[in-house]
Amino acid sequence: MRPARRRDRQQLPPLNQAGIVGLFNTLKGGPQIFNAAFPATWEAMPATLLAALLDGLRVSQVASQRSIFSALMGLIPNAFYSNPTNWPAIGYAGPPRFN
């Protein structure tokens, strides 16, 4: 894991850290962990298939698959809004500083 990503992850509560690590360990297997007919890598996955996969995870009757979808949908905005380089674009001056 890259140092910046490790640092970002380490700022989260331990339960969230474990969930993120578990999610990424699962996804390291590539798209074929969901369907053997999918390409071997995420980079080779066409956008239409990826959209279909995400929609399938969203409506799946299998709780663990819905959990993967929910984790991804929670991670995406958290990754964006927790990154200080994005704060000026949303008008956020950053957390208060106490002296």
Protein backbone atom coordinates (compact mmCIF):
# COMPACT_ATOMS: atom_id res chain seq x y z
CA MET A 1 0.00 0.00 0.00
CA ARG A 2 1.32 3.45 -0.84
CA PRO A 3 2.35 5.57 2.18
CA ALA A 4 -0.25 8.30 1.48
CA ARG A 5 -3.07 5.76 1.27
CA ARG A 6 -1.85 3.99 4.41
CA ARG A 7 -1.77 7.34 6.24
CA ASP A 8 -5.31 8.21 5.03
CA ARG A 9 -6.60 4.80 6.13
CA GLN A 10 -4.87 5.08 9.51
CA GLN A 11 -6.89 8.23 10.26
CA LEU A 12 -10.08 6.17 10.30
CA PRO A 13 -11.41 4.33 13.36
CA PRO A 14 -10.05 0.74 13.66
CA LEU A 15 -13.38 -0.84 12.66
CA ASN A 16 -13.47 1.22 9.46
CA GLN A 17 -9.81 0.40 8.75
CA ALA A 18 -10.52 -3.32 8.97
CA GLY A 19 -13.53 -2.98 6.68
CA ILE A 20 -11.58 -1.08 4.06
CA VAL A 21 -8.72 -3.57 4.15
CA GLY A 22 -11.20 -6.44 3.82
CA LEU A 23 -12.98 -4.75 0.92
CA PHE A 24 -9.78 -4.16 -1.01
CA ASN A 25 -8.47 -7.64 -0.27
CA THR A 26 -11.69 -9.00 -1.75
CA LEU A 27 -11.50 -6.77 -4.82
CA LYS A 28 -7.84 -7.65 -5.47
CA GLY A 29 -9.15 -10.87 -6.99
CA GLY A 30 -10.43 -8.89 -9.96
CA PRO A 31 -13.86 -8.98 -11.57
CA GLN A 32 -13.74 -12.75 -11.98
CA ILE A 33 -14.44 -13.19 -8.26
CA PHE A 34 -18.01 -12.24 -9.20
CA ASN A 35 -18.29 -13.96 -12.57
CA ALA A 36 -15.75 -16.16 -14.35
CA ALA A 37 -16.84 -14.68 -17.70
CA PHE A 38 -15.60 -11.20 -16.68
CA PRO A 39 -12.13 -9.99 -17.69
CA ALA A 40 -9.25 -10.90 -15.36
CA THR A 41 -8.46 -7.29 -14.37
CA TRP A 42 -10.50 -4.26 -13.40
CA GLU A 43 -8.67 -2.22 -16.06
CA ALA A 44 -9.96 -4.56 -18.77
CA MET A 45 -13.55 -4.40 -17.50
CA PRO A 46 -15.77 -2.45 -19.95
CA ALA A 47 -17.79 0.34 -18.35
CA THR A 48 -21.07 -1.30 -19.33
CA LEU A 49 -20.13 -4.55 -17.56
CA LEU A 50 -18.90 -2.63 -14.53
CA ALA A 51 -22.20 -0.75 -14.33
CA ALA A 52 -24.09 -4.03 -14.60
CA LEU A 53 -21.91 -5.58 -11.89
CA LEU A 54 -22.47 -2.65 -9.53
CA ASP A 55 -26.21 -2.75 -10.16
CA GLY A 56 -26.21 -6.49 -9.54
CA LEU A 57 -24.37 -6.00 -6.24
CA ARG A 58 -26.85 -3.28 -5.26
CA VAL A 59 -29.92 -5.47 -5.72
CA SER A 60 -28.38 -8.84 -4.85
CA GLN A 61 -30.26 -11.17 -2.55
CA VAL A 62 -26.88 -12.13 -1.06
CA ALA A 63 -26.18 -9.87 1.91
CA SER A 64 -22.39 -9.95 1.49
CA GLN A 65 -22.71 -8.70 -2.09
CA ARG A 66 -24.99 -5.85 -1.02
CA SER A 67 -22.42 -5.05 1.69
CA ILE A 68 -19.69 -4.75 -0.93
CA PHE A 69 -21.85 -2.30 -2.86
CA SER A 70 -22.65 -0.29 0.28
CA ALA A 71 -19.00 -0.18 1.29
CA LEU A 72 -17.97 1.12 -2.12
CA MET A 73 -20.70 3.76 -2.13
CA GLY A 74 -19.60 4.93 1.32
CA LEU A 75 -15.91 4.88 0.50
CA ILE A 76 -16.13 7.01 -2.62
CA PRO A 77 -17.51 10.20 -1.01
CA ASN A 78 -15.36 9.67 2.09
CA ALA A 79 -12.24 9.46 -0.06
CA PHE A 80 -13.19 12.66 -1.87
CA TYR A 81 -14.29 14.77 1.08
CA SER A 82 -11.50 13.67 3.42
CA ASN A 83 -8.82 14.76 0.93
CA PRO A 84 -7.64 18.30 1.82
CA THR A 85 -6.84 19.06 -1.83
CA ASN A 86 -10.59 18.92 -2.58
CA TRP A 87 -11.67 21.24 0.24
CA PRO A 88 -11.25 24.57 -1.65
CA ALA A 89 -13.57 23.33 -4.41
CA ILE A 90 -16.36 22.75 -1.88
CA GLY A 91 -15.66 25.88 0.16
CA TYR A 92 -14.42 24.05 3.24
CA ALA A 93 -11.59 25.82 5.06
CA GLY A 94 -10.62 22.70 6.96
CA PRO A 95 -11.11 21.60 10.55
CA PRO A 96 -10.89 24.23 13.28
CA ARG A 97 -7.47 24.79 14.82
CA PHE A 98 -7.27 25.07 18.56
CA ASN A 99 -4.26 26.77 20.09
